[in-house]
Amino acid sequence: LKNYELYARPVISLRKSLLLQESCGIIAEFKRKSPSKGIINMHADPVRISKGYVNAGASAISILTDHEFFHGSNTDLVNTRKSVDCPVLRKDFILDEYQVIETKAIGADAVLLIAECLEKQKLKCLANLAKEIGLEVIIEIHSAEQLDKLNENIDIIGVNNRNLNNFTVDVKNSFELTLLIPQEYIKISESGINDPAIIPELKKAGYNGFLIGEFFMRTDNPPESCNSFIEQIKGFEQKMVSK
C-alpha cells in the first residue's frame, strides 16, 4: 500500500479548509445508497459529481467507499482524488490498521473513525496511526457518552444527527452536544441537514463544517443542488449581517 502512487502525495488539510474565512463549510458527499434510505442515486458518476460540487463552492468532498451498505468503492475515491484539488474525506467502517493505511494509499486526506463501532483503546491506536502517516482524523459521535473516546490525535469532531441504532434523525443533537465539546476542536454537523437556514444557526453554535449527502444526491443534478444550497446560505448570512 505504501508504494501506491497516491500514498506519497501531500495531504490537503480539511481542518484548514474549514477554518478559511471564505469557506462555506459544506462537505458535499457522494453516495449511491444507504442502510436507512436504500437506493439514492445508483448510477451516479463520482468524478462528474465531485467536480461539480467543487465548482459549486463546496469546501471538501466526502466519498463513501463501503460497498455492502453504500455501494461505494475505493476506485470511487481514487478517481475523485485525481479529479479535484480540495480535501477528500474517506467514509467507511474503519476497524483496523490496514484500512487506515489504505485510506492514505487511495488518496484521502482525512479518515472517519466512528465511536459507535470502536472501543476506546482501538480508536486511539487507529487515530495515532493515522496521524503518524499524515492523515487528519475525524471522530464521529452521536451521544455525550462517546466524548469519553476523545484523544490527542483527533483533529475534528463530527456530530452525527442520525441514531445508528434506529436511523432516526434530529439536528437538535448538534445543538445539544456542542455545549459539551471542548472548544479547541473543529466541529462538523452530520446528517439530516436539508435547510440552508439552519447553517447560520449551526455556525453560531460553533460548527465549522456541515456534511450533506443525501439531500444533494437525491436530486437530478447534485452539483446544481449544492450550488443553490450554498447561494441560499449566503443570502441568509447577508440578512443576518444587515439586521
C-alpha atoms as a PDB file:
ATOM      1  CA  LEU A   1       0.000   0.000   0.000  1.00  0.00           C
ATOM      2  CA  LYS A   2       2.805   2.418   0.846  1.00  0.00           C
ATOM      3  CA  ASN A   3       4.115   2.027  -2.702  1.00  0.00           C
ATOM      4  CA  TYR A   4       0.856   3.256  -4.217  1.00  0.00           C
ATOM      5  CA  GLU A   5       1.236   6.435  -6.252  1.00  0.00           C
ATOM      6  CA  LEU A   6      -1.213   8.428  -4.126  1.00  0.00           C
ATOM      7  CA  TYR A   7       0.298   7.403  -0.777  1.00  0.00           C
ATOM      8  CA  ALA A   8       3.185   9.882  -1.041  1.00  0.00           C
ATOM      9  CA  ARG A   9       1.130  12.886  -2.144  1.00  0.00           C
ATOM     10  CA  PRO A  10       0.911  15.844   0.282  1.00  0.00           C
ATOM     11  CA  VAL A  11      -2.300  15.870   2.292  1.00  0.00           C
ATOM     12  CA  ILE A  12      -4.698  18.779   1.771  1.00  0.00           C
ATOM     13  CA  SER A  13      -5.867  19.857   5.224  1.00  0.00           C
ATOM     14  CA  LEU A  14      -9.601  19.564   5.817  1.00  0.00           C
ATOM     15  CA  ARG A  15      -9.163  21.409   9.090  1.00  0.00           C
ATOM     16  CA  LYS A  16      -7.545  24.423   7.415  1.00  0.00           C
ATOM     17  CA  SER A  17     -10.104  24.397   4.616  1.00  0.00           C
ATOM     18  CA  LEU A  18     -12.988  24.624   7.088  1.00  0.00           C
ATOM     19  CA  LEU A  19     -11.304  27.461   9.014  1.00  0.00           C
ATOM     20  CA  LEU A  20     -10.806  29.691   5.960  1.00  0.00           C
ATOM     21  CA  GLN A  21     -12.825  32.885   6.309  1.00  0.00           C
ATOM     22  CA  GLU A  22     -14.338  32.443   2.845  1.00  0.00           C
ATOM     23  CA  SER A  23     -15.230  28.787   3.468  1.00  0.00           C
ATOM     24  CA  CYS A  24     -18.914  27.862   3.301  1.00  0.00           C
ATOM     25  CA  GLY A  25     -18.118  24.759   5.352  1.00  0.00           C
ATOM     26  CA  ILE A  26     -20.085  22.384   3.146  1.00  0.00           C
ATOM     27  CA  ILE A  27     -18.586  18.899   2.901  1.00  0.00           C
ATOM     28  CA  ALA A  28     -20.517  17.567  -0.076  1.00  0.00           C
ATOM     29  CA  GLU A  29     -20.899  13.811  -0.071  1.00  0.00           C
ATOM     30  CA  PHE A  30     -21.132  11.302  -2.885  1.00  0.00           C
ATOM     31  CA  LYS A  31     -23.148   8.171  -2.150  1.00  0.00           C
ATOM     32  CA  ARG A  32     -25.358   5.853  -4.168  1.00  0.00           C
ATOM     33  CA  LYS A  33     -27.387   4.227  -1.394  1.00  0.00           C
ATOM     34  CA  SER A  34     -27.580   3.950   2.390  1.00  0.00           C
ATOM     35  CA  PRO A  35     -28.848   1.458   5.006  1.00  0.00           C
ATOM     36  CA  SER A  36     -31.542   3.881   6.145  1.00  0.00           C
ATOM     37  CA  LYS A  37     -32.777   5.185   2.776  1.00  0.00           C
ATOM     38  CA  GLY A  38     -31.977   2.389   0.321  1.00  0.00           C
ATOM     39  CA  ILE A  39     -31.153   3.382  -3.258  1.00  0.00           C
ATOM     40  CA  ILE A  40     -30.479   7.111  -3.603  1.00  0.00           C
ATOM     41  CA  ASN A  41     -28.685   7.577  -6.936  1.00  0.00           C
ATOM     42  CA  MET A  42     -27.343   4.206  -8.018  1.00  0.00           C
ATOM     43  CA  HIS A  43     -25.747   5.072 -11.369  1.00  0.00           C
ATOM     44  CA  ALA A  44     -24.193   8.408 -10.414  1.00  0.00           C
ATOM     45  CA  ASP A  45     -20.626   9.203 -11.522  1.00  0.00           C
ATOM     46  CA  PRO A  46     -18.401  10.233  -8.577  1.00  0.00           C
ATOM     47  CA  VAL A  47     -15.941  12.211 -10.700  1.00  0.00           C
ATOM     48  CA  ARG A  48     -18.559  14.278 -12.512  1.00  0.00           C
ATOM     49  CA  ILE A  49     -20.489  14.980  -9.326  1.00  0.00           C
ATOM     50  CA  SER A  50     -17.433  15.727  -7.174  1.00  0.00           C
ATOM     51  CA  LYS A  51     -16.041  18.159  -9.746  1.00  0.00           C
ATOM     52  CA  GLY A  52     -19.475  19.769  -9.859  1.00  0.00           C
ATOM     53  CA  TYR A  53     -19.531  20.052  -6.070  1.00  0.00           C
ATOM     54  CA  VAL A  54     -16.166  21.827  -6.090  1.00  0.00           C
ATOM     55  CA  ASN A  55     -17.304  24.215  -8.833  1.00  0.00           C
ATOM     56  CA  ALA A  56     -20.413  24.906  -6.759  1.00  0.00           C
ATOM     57  CA  GLY A  57     -18.223  26.067  -3.880  1.00  0.00           C
ATOM     58  CA  ALA A  58     -18.051  23.050  -1.561  1.00  0.00           C
ATOM     59  CA  SER A  59     -15.180  23.201   0.941  1.00  0.00           C
ATOM     60  CA  ALA A  60     -14.465  19.472   0.754  1.00  0.00           C
ATOM     61  CA  ILE A  61     -15.695  16.182  -0.696  1.00  0.00           C
ATOM     62  CA  SER A  62     -16.747  13.047   1.191  1.00  0.00           C
ATOM     63  CA  ILE A  63     -16.700   9.676  -0.568  1.00  0.00           C
ATOM     64  CA  LEU A  64     -18.366   6.509   0.756  1.00  0.00           C
ATOM     65  CA  THR A  65     -16.112   3.546  -0.021  1.00  0.00           C
ATOM     66  CA  ASP A  66     -18.136   0.826   1.724  1.00  0.00           C
ATOM     67  CA  HIS A  67     -19.717  -1.479  -0.861  1.00  0.00           C
ATOM     68  CA  GLU A  68     -22.131  -3.623   1.134  1.00  0.00           C
ATOM     69  CA  PHE A  69     -24.258  -0.838   2.596  1.00  0.00           C
ATOM     70  CA  PHE A  70     -23.449   2.173   0.390  1.00  0.00           C
ATOM     71  CA  HIS A  71     -22.459   0.592  -2.954  1.00  0.00           C
ATOM     72  CA  GLY A  72     -19.225   2.563  -2.908  1.00  0.00           C
ATOM     73  CA  SER A  73     -15.663   1.524  -3.728  1.00  0.00           C
ATOM     74  CA  ASN A  74     -12.052   2.553  -3.271  1.00  0.00           C
ATOM     75  CA  THR A  75     -11.999   3.259  -7.008  1.00  0.00           C
ATOM     76  CA  ASP A  76     -14.621   5.974  -6.484  1.00  0.00           C
ATOM     77  CA  LEU A  77     -12.233   7.768  -4.143  1.00  0.00           C
ATOM     78  CA  VAL A  78      -9.110   7.209  -6.253  1.00  0.00           C
ATOM     79  CA  ASN A  79     -10.781   8.641  -9.349  1.00  0.00           C
ATOM     80  CA  THR A  80     -12.226  11.555  -7.391  1.00  0.00           C
ATOM     81  CA  ARG A  81      -8.850  12.347  -5.812  1.00  0.00           C
ATOM     82  CA  LYS A  82      -7.273  12.597  -9.256  1.00  0.00           C
ATOM     83  CA  SER A  83     -10.007  14.984 -10.406  1.00  0.00           C
ATOM     84  CA  VAL A  84     -10.357  17.542  -7.592  1.00  0.00           C
ATOM     85  CA  ASP A  85      -7.960  19.801  -5.713  1.00  0.00           C
ATOM     86  CA  CYS A  86      -9.662  20.008  -2.334  1.00  0.00           C
ATOM     87  CA  PRO A  87      -9.735  17.904   0.852  1.00  0.00           C
ATOM     88  CA  VAL A  88     -11.286  14.455   0.393  1.00  0.00           C
ATOM     89  CA  LEU A  89     -12.725  12.531   3.339  1.00  0.00           C
ATOM     90  CA  ARG A  90     -12.997   8.752   3.251  1.00  0.00           C
ATOM     91  CA  LYS A  91     -16.155   7.457   4.928  1.00  0.00           C
ATOM     92  CA  ASP A  92     -16.268   3.761   5.698  1.00  0.00           C
ATOM     93  CA  PHE A  93     -16.403   1.421   8.661  1.00  0.00           C
ATOM     94  CA  ILE A  94     -12.727   1.691   9.609  1.00  0.00           C
ATOM     95  CA  LEU A  95     -11.911  -1.119  12.034  1.00  0.00           C
ATOM     96  CA  ASP A  96      -8.219  -1.949  11.621  1.00  0.00           C
ATOM     97  CA  GLU A  97      -4.758  -0.611  10.827  1.00  0.00           C
ATOM     98  CA  TYR A  98      -4.760  -1.908   7.255  1.00  0.00           C
ATOM     99  CA  GLN A  99      -7.773   0.264   6.426  1.00  0.00           C
ATOM    100  CA  VAL A 100      -6.063   3.349   7.857  1.00  0.00           C
ATOM    101  CA  ILE A 101      -3.003   2.860   5.649  1.00  0.00           C
ATOM    102  CA  GLU A 102      -5.311   2.021   2.740  1.00  0.00           C
ATOM    103  CA  THR A 103      -7.088   5.350   3.305  1.00  0.00           C
ATOM    104  CA  LYS A 104      -3.834   7.207   2.628  1.00  0.00           C
ATOM    105  CA  ALA A 105      -2.961   4.931  -0.305  1.00  0.00           C
ATOM    106  CA  ILE A 106      -6.208   5.644  -2.167  1.00  0.00           C
ATOM    107  CA  GLY A 107      -5.730   9.401  -1.853  1.00  0.00           C
ATOM    108  CA  ALA A 108      -7.880  10.539   1.067  1.00  0.00           C
ATOM    109  CA  ASP A 109      -6.803  13.460   3.253  1.00  0.00           C
ATOM    110  CA  ALA A 110      -8.898  12.568   6.288  1.00  0.00           C
ATOM    111  CA  VAL A 111     -10.295   9.396   7.813  1.00  0.00           C
ATOM    112  CA  LEU A 112     -13.525   8.985   9.779  1.00  0.00           C
ATOM    113  CA  LEU A 113     -13.448   6.867  12.938  1.00  0.00           C
ATOM    114  CA  ILE A 114     -16.909   6.018  14.268  1.00  0.00           C
ATOM    115  CA  ALA A 115     -17.037   5.981  18.078  1.00  0.00           C
ATOM    116  CA  GLU A 116     -20.061   3.676  17.982  1.00  0.00           C
ATOM    117  CA  CYS A 117     -18.003   0.998  16.192  1.00  0.00           C
ATOM    118  CA  LEU A 118     -14.711   1.171  18.095  1.00  0.00           C
ATOM    119  CA  GLU A 119     -13.552   0.537  21.649  1.00  0.00           C
ATOM    120  CA  LYS A 120     -11.744   3.493  23.234  1.00  0.00           C
ATOM    121  CA  GLN A 121      -8.249   1.985  23.059  1.00  0.00           C
ATOM    122  CA  LYS A 122      -8.689   0.724  19.496  1.00  0.00           C
ATOM    123  CA  LEU A 123      -9.909   4.125  18.359  1.00  0.00           C
ATOM    124  CA  LYS A 124      -6.875   5.745  19.974  1.00  0.00           C
ATOM    125  CA  CYS A 125      -4.490   3.323  18.230  1.00  0.00           C
ATOM    126  CA  LEU A 126      -6.089   3.909  14.823  1.00  0.00           C
ATOM    127  CA  ALA A 127      -6.079   7.688  15.326  1.00  0.00           C
ATOM    128  CA  ASN A 128      -2.405   7.564  16.327  1.00  0.00           C
ATOM    129  CA  LEU A 129      -1.500   5.584  13.202  1.00  0.00           C
ATOM    130  CA  ALA A 130      -3.498   7.958  11.004  1.00  0.00           C
ATOM    131  CA  LYS A 131      -1.621  10.956  12.404  1.00  0.00           C
ATOM    132  CA  GLU A 132       1.736   9.190  12.003  1.00  0.00           C
ATOM    133  CA  ILE A 133       1.161   8.755   8.273  1.00  0.00           C
ATOM    134  CA  GLY A 134      -0.159  12.299   7.806  1.00  0.00           C
ATOM    135  CA  LEU A 135      -3.931  11.874   7.732  1.00  0.00           C
ATOM    136  CA  GLU A 136      -6.330  14.121   9.608  1.00  0.00           C
ATOM    137  CA  VAL A 137      -8.711  12.339  11.948  1.00  0.00           C
ATOM    138  CA  ILE A 138     -12.432  12.860  12.457  1.00  0.00           C
ATOM    139  CA  ILE A 139     -14.166  11.079  15.300  1.00  0.00           C
ATOM    140  CA  GLU A 140     -17.893  10.634  14.735  1.00  0.00           C
ATOM    141  CA  ILE A 141     -20.055  10.732  17.851  1.00  0.00           C
ATOM    142  CA  HIS A 142     -23.789  10.649  18.463  1.00  0.00           C
ATOM    143  CA  SER A 143     -24.009  10.865  22.259  1.00  0.00           C
ATOM    144  CA  ALA A 144     -22.332  12.636  25.162  1.00  0.00           C
ATOM    145  CA  GLU A 145     -21.005   9.309  26.457  1.00  0.00           C
ATOM    146  CA  GLN A 146     -18.904   8.870  23.313  1.00  0.00           C
ATOM    147  CA  LEU A 147     -16.920  12.024  24.123  1.00  0.00           C
ATOM    148  CA  ASP A 148     -15.032   9.764  26.536  1.00  0.00           C
ATOM    149  CA  LYS A 149     -13.289   8.325  23.453  1.00  0.00           C
ATOM    150  CA  LEU A 150     -11.602  11.609  22.512  1.00  0.00           C
ATOM    151  CA  ASN A 151      -7.807  11.570  22.416  1.00  0.00           C
ATOM    152  CA  GLU A 152      -4.934  13.861  21.483  1.00  0.00           C
ATOM    153  CA  ASN A 153      -4.848  12.593  17.883  1.00  0.00           C
ATOM    154  CA  ILE A 154      -8.337  13.804  16.988  1.00  0.00           C
ATOM    155  CA  ASP A 155      -8.487  16.859  14.698  1.00  0.00           C
ATOM    156  CA  ILE A 156     -12.224  17.188  14.160  1.00  0.00           C
ATOM    157  CA  ILE A 157     -15.363  16.032  15.949  1.00  0.00           C
ATOM    158  CA  GLY A 158     -18.298  15.085  13.753  1.00  0.00           C
ATOM    159  CA  VAL A 159     -21.667  15.061  15.486  1.00  0.00           C
ATOM    160  CA  ASN A 160     -23.951  12.598  13.732  1.00  0.00           C
ATOM    161  CA  ASN A 161     -27.576  13.676  13.944  1.00  0.00           C
ATOM    162  CA  ARG A 162     -28.618  10.162  12.912  1.00  0.00           C
ATOM    163  CA  ASN A 163     -29.009   7.498  15.576  1.00  0.00           C
ATOM    164  CA  LEU A 164     -27.204   4.466  14.111  1.00  0.00           C
ATOM    165  CA  ASN A 165     -29.389   2.070  16.095  1.00  0.00           C
ATOM    166  CA  ASN A 166     -32.776   3.159  14.738  1.00  0.00           C
ATOM    167  CA  PHE A 167     -31.795   5.638  11.953  1.00  0.00           C
ATOM    168  CA  THR A 168     -33.906   8.477  13.395  1.00  0.00           C
ATOM    169  CA  VAL A 169     -32.512  11.927  12.583  1.00  0.00           C
ATOM    170  CA  ASP A 170     -32.672  15.116  14.642  1.00  0.00           C
ATOM    171  CA  VAL A 171     -30.430  18.138  14.027  1.00  0.00           C
ATOM    172  CA  LYS A 172     -31.115  19.190  17.623  1.00  0.00           C
ATOM    173  CA  ASN A 173     -28.449  16.651  18.540  1.00  0.00           C
ATOM    174  CA  SER A 174     -25.789  19.009  17.162  1.00  0.00           C
ATOM    175  CA  PHE A 175     -27.091  21.927  19.201  1.00  0.00           C
ATOM    176  CA  GLU A 176     -27.186  19.856  22.387  1.00  0.00           C
ATOM    177  CA  LEU A 177     -23.758  18.237  22.084  1.00  0.00           C
ATOM    178  CA  THR A 178     -21.902  21.411  21.087  1.00  0.00           C
ATOM    179  CA  LEU A 179     -22.164  22.598  24.687  1.00  0.00           C
ATOM    180  CA  LEU A 180     -20.185  19.555  25.862  1.00  0.00           C
ATOM    181  CA  ILE A 181     -17.418  19.529  23.242  1.00  0.00           C
ATOM    182  CA  PRO A 182     -14.089  21.152  24.235  1.00  0.00           C
ATOM    183  CA  GLN A 183     -13.631  24.439  22.378  1.00  0.00           C
ATOM    184  CA  GLU A 184     -10.281  23.520  20.837  1.00  0.00           C
ATOM    185  CA  TYR A 185     -11.901  21.035  18.455  1.00  0.00           C
ATOM    186  CA  ILE A 186     -13.215  21.813  14.983  1.00  0.00           C
ATOM    187  CA  LYS A 187     -16.837  20.634  14.828  1.00  0.00           C
ATOM    188  CA  ILE A 188     -18.856  19.184  11.960  1.00  0.00           C
ATOM    189  CA  SER A 189     -22.601  18.567  11.942  1.00  0.00           C
ATOM    190  CA  GLU A 190     -23.549  15.425  10.001  1.00  0.00           C
ATOM    191  CA  SER A 191     -26.840  14.066   8.624  1.00  0.00           C
ATOM    192  CA  GLY A 192     -30.324  15.484   8.313  1.00  0.00           C
ATOM    193  CA  ILE A 193     -29.288  18.939   7.084  1.00  0.00           C
ATOM    194  CA  ASN A 194     -31.733  19.896   4.337  1.00  0.00           C
ATOM    195  CA  ASP A 195     -32.484  23.561   5.048  1.00  0.00           C
ATOM    196  CA  PRO A 196     -29.914  26.292   4.261  1.00  0.00           C
ATOM    197  CA  ALA A 197     -31.425  28.440   7.019  1.00  0.00           C
ATOM    198  CA  ILE A 198     -30.058  26.076   9.676  1.00  0.00           C
ATOM    199  CA  ILE A 199     -26.418  26.622   8.632  1.00  0.00           C
ATOM    200  CA  PRO A 200     -26.025  30.139  10.131  1.00  0.00           C
ATOM    201  CA  GLU A 201     -27.573  28.799  13.346  1.00  0.00           C
ATOM    202  CA  LEU A 202     -25.131  25.891  13.444  1.00  0.00           C
ATOM    203  CA  LYS A 203     -22.240  28.283  12.777  1.00  0.00           C
ATOM    204  CA  LYS A 204     -23.408  30.409  15.690  1.00  0.00           C
ATOM    205  CA  ALA A 205     -23.376  27.237  17.811  1.00  0.00           C
ATOM    206  CA  GLY A 206     -19.714  26.687  16.945  1.00  0.00           C
ATOM    207  CA  TYR A 207     -19.781  24.420  13.888  1.00  0.00           C
ATOM    208  CA  ASN A 208     -17.327  24.936  11.022  1.00  0.00           C
ATOM    209  CA  GLY A 209     -18.387  22.076   8.769  1.00  0.00           C
ATOM    210  CA  PHE A 210     -21.640  20.587   7.514  1.00  0.00           C
ATOM    211  CA  LEU A 211     -21.707  17.146   5.923  1.00  0.00           C
ATOM    212  CA  ILE A 212     -24.503  16.887   3.365  1.00  0.00           C
ATOM    213  CA  GLY A 213     -25.015  13.953   1.029  1.00  0.00           C
ATOM    214  CA  GLU A 214     -28.478  12.511   0.585  1.00  0.00           C
ATOM    215  CA  PHE A 215     -30.141  15.922   0.188  1.00  0.00           C
ATOM    216  CA  PHE A 216     -27.938  16.648  -2.842  1.00  0.00           C
ATOM    217  CA  MET A 217     -27.711  13.113  -4.226  1.00  0.00           C
ATOM    218  CA  ARG A 218     -31.479  12.572  -4.402  1.00  0.00           C
ATOM    219  CA  THR A 219     -31.835  15.360  -6.953  1.00  0.00           C
ATOM    220  CA  ASP A 220     -31.416  15.082 -10.729  1.00  0.00           C
ATOM    221  CA  ASN A 221     -28.394  17.396 -10.558  1.00  0.00           C
ATOM    222  CA  PRO A 222     -26.497  17.121  -7.233  1.00  0.00           C
ATOM    223  CA  PRO A 223     -23.910  19.840  -8.075  1.00  0.00           C
ATOM    224  CA  GLU A 224     -26.665  22.303  -9.000  1.00  0.00           C
ATOM    225  CA  SER A 225     -28.486  21.425  -5.777  1.00  0.00           C
ATOM    226  CA  CYS A 226     -25.268  22.081  -3.860  1.00  0.00           C
ATOM    227  CA  ASN A 227     -24.743  25.408  -5.635  1.00  0.00           C
ATOM    228  CA  SER A 228     -28.289  26.530  -4.862  1.00  0.00           C
ATOM    229  CA  PHE A 229     -27.885  25.496  -1.205  1.00  0.00           C
ATOM    230  CA  ILE A 230     -24.654  27.493  -0.839  1.00  0.00           C
ATOM    231  CA  GLU A 231     -26.146  30.568  -2.523  1.00  0.00           C
ATOM    232  CA  GLN A 232     -29.108  30.421  -0.137  1.00  0.00           C
ATOM    233  CA  ILE A 233     -26.727  30.226   2.835  1.00  0.00           C
ATOM    234  CA  LYS A 234     -25.021  33.401   1.608  1.00  0.00           C
ATOM    235  CA  GLY A 235     -28.412  35.079   1.360  1.00  0.00           C
ATOM    236  CA  PHE A 236     -29.354  34.158   4.918  1.00  0.00           C
ATOM    237  CA  GLU A 237     -25.978  35.310   6.241  1.00  0.00           C
ATOM    238  CA  GLN A 238     -26.257  38.652   4.452  1.00  0.00           C
ATOM    239  CA  LYS A 239     -29.676  39.191   6.012  1.00  0.00           C
ATOM    240  CA  MET A 240     -28.244  38.458   9.464  1.00  0.00           C
ATOM    241  CA  VAL A 241     -25.420  40.980   8.926  1.00  0.00           C
ATOM    242  CA  SER A 242     -27.800  43.699   7.724  1.00  0.00           C
ATOM    243  CA  LYS A 243     -30.130  43.368  10.714  1.00  0.00           C
END
